[in-house]
Protein backbone atom coordinates (compact mmCIF):
# COMPACT_ATOMS: atom_id res chain seq x y z
CA ASP A 1 25.90 -25.76 -48.23
CA ALA A 2 28.29 -27.65 -45.97
CA PHE A 3 30.73 -28.29 -48.81
CA ALA A 4 30.51 -24.63 -49.91
CA ARG A 5 31.79 -23.57 -46.48
CA LEU A 6 35.17 -25.14 -47.28
CA PRO A 7 37.10 -22.45 -49.18
CA GLY A 8 38.74 -23.71 -52.36
CA THR A 9 36.61 -26.88 -52.49
CA PRO A 10 35.31 -27.41 -56.02
CA ILE A 11 31.66 -28.43 -55.97
CA VAL A 12 29.44 -29.70 -58.75
CA VAL A 13 25.69 -29.86 -58.12
CA LEU A 14 23.34 -31.79 -60.43
CA TYR A 15 19.61 -31.26 -60.23
CA PRO A 16 16.66 -31.98 -62.47
CA ASN A 17 15.57 -28.78 -64.22
CA THR A 18 11.93 -29.45 -63.50
CA GLY A 19 12.37 -31.08 -60.10
CA VAL A 20 13.23 -28.16 -57.85
CA SER A 21 11.46 -25.01 -56.84
CA THR A 22 12.61 -21.53 -57.87
CA ILE A 23 13.80 -20.93 -54.32
CA GLN A 24 15.83 -24.16 -54.22
CA LYS A 25 17.43 -23.33 -57.58
CA ALA A 26 18.39 -19.82 -56.36
CA GLN A 27 19.89 -21.28 -53.12
CA MET A 28 22.07 -23.67 -55.12
CA GLN A 29 23.18 -21.11 -57.69
CA THR A 30 24.20 -18.47 -55.14
CA ALA A 31 25.99 -20.74 -52.64
CA SER A 32 29.62 -19.98 -53.50
CA ASN A 33 32.00 -19.09 -56.32
CA ASP A 34 33.42 -22.65 -56.04
CA VAL A 35 30.02 -24.22 -56.88
CA CYS A 36 29.10 -25.28 -60.42
CA VAL A 37 25.36 -25.91 -60.59
CA LEU A 38 24.09 -27.95 -63.49
CA GLY A 39 20.45 -28.37 -64.34
CA VAL A 40 19.80 -31.63 -66.17
CA ASP A 41 16.91 -32.37 -68.52
CA ALA A 42 16.13 -35.60 -66.67
CA ASP A 43 14.81 -36.73 -63.35
CA PHE A 44 16.61 -36.95 -59.98
CA ASP A 45 17.18 -40.72 -60.40
CA PHE A 46 19.21 -39.95 -63.56
CA CYS A 47 21.36 -37.44 -61.60
CA GLN A 48 21.99 -40.02 -58.91
CA THR A 49 22.85 -42.71 -61.42
CA MET A 50 25.26 -40.36 -63.25
CA VAL A 51 27.17 -39.58 -60.03
CA LYS A 52 27.28 -43.25 -58.95
CA ASP A 53 28.57 -44.25 -62.38
CA LEU A 54 31.29 -41.62 -62.27
CA PHE A 55 32.34 -42.70 -58.81
CA ASN A 56 32.73 -46.27 -60.11
CA ASP A 57 34.49 -45.30 -63.36
CA LYS A 58 38.19 -46.11 -62.78
CA SER A 59 39.26 -44.24 -65.96
CA PHE A 60 37.42 -41.07 -64.86
CA LEU A 61 38.91 -41.32 -61.35
CA ALA A 62 42.41 -41.74 -62.79
CA ASP A 63 41.89 -38.68 -65.01
CA VAL A 64 40.70 -36.64 -62.02
CA ASN A 65 43.67 -37.78 -59.97
CA GLN A 66 46.05 -36.82 -62.78
CA VAL A 67 44.61 -33.30 -63.13
CA LEU A 68 43.91 -32.70 -59.43
CA PRO A 69 46.18 -34.98 -57.36
CA GLY A 70 44.88 -35.55 -53.84
CA LEU A 71 41.32 -34.54 -54.67
CA HIS A 72 38.80 -36.65 -52.87
CA LEU A 73 35.28 -37.04 -54.29
CA SER A 74 32.26 -37.13 -52.07
CA SER A 75 28.51 -36.92 -52.44
CA ALA A 76 25.75 -35.45 -50.37
CA ASN A 77 22.00 -35.73 -50.09
CA SER A 78 20.09 -38.91 -50.90
CA ILE A 79 23.04 -40.62 -52.62
CA ASN A 80 24.70 -41.18 -49.23
């Protein structure tokens, strides 16, 4: 929700399809037009590992910087 309050901030949310309530899913999916919510057929640990791996992938970060110069990646929730 805090990231969604920053207009123009692209946000990607990963969550386990079977790990959240219907209400939680609705909250995430209606947060903002700048939010891309992705349900994953895995557990929350997988979602965390995927984000951590991307944040440590120098090739991915270089690609992101080339497409969106100046973009800073951040995470929220239990990854912090």
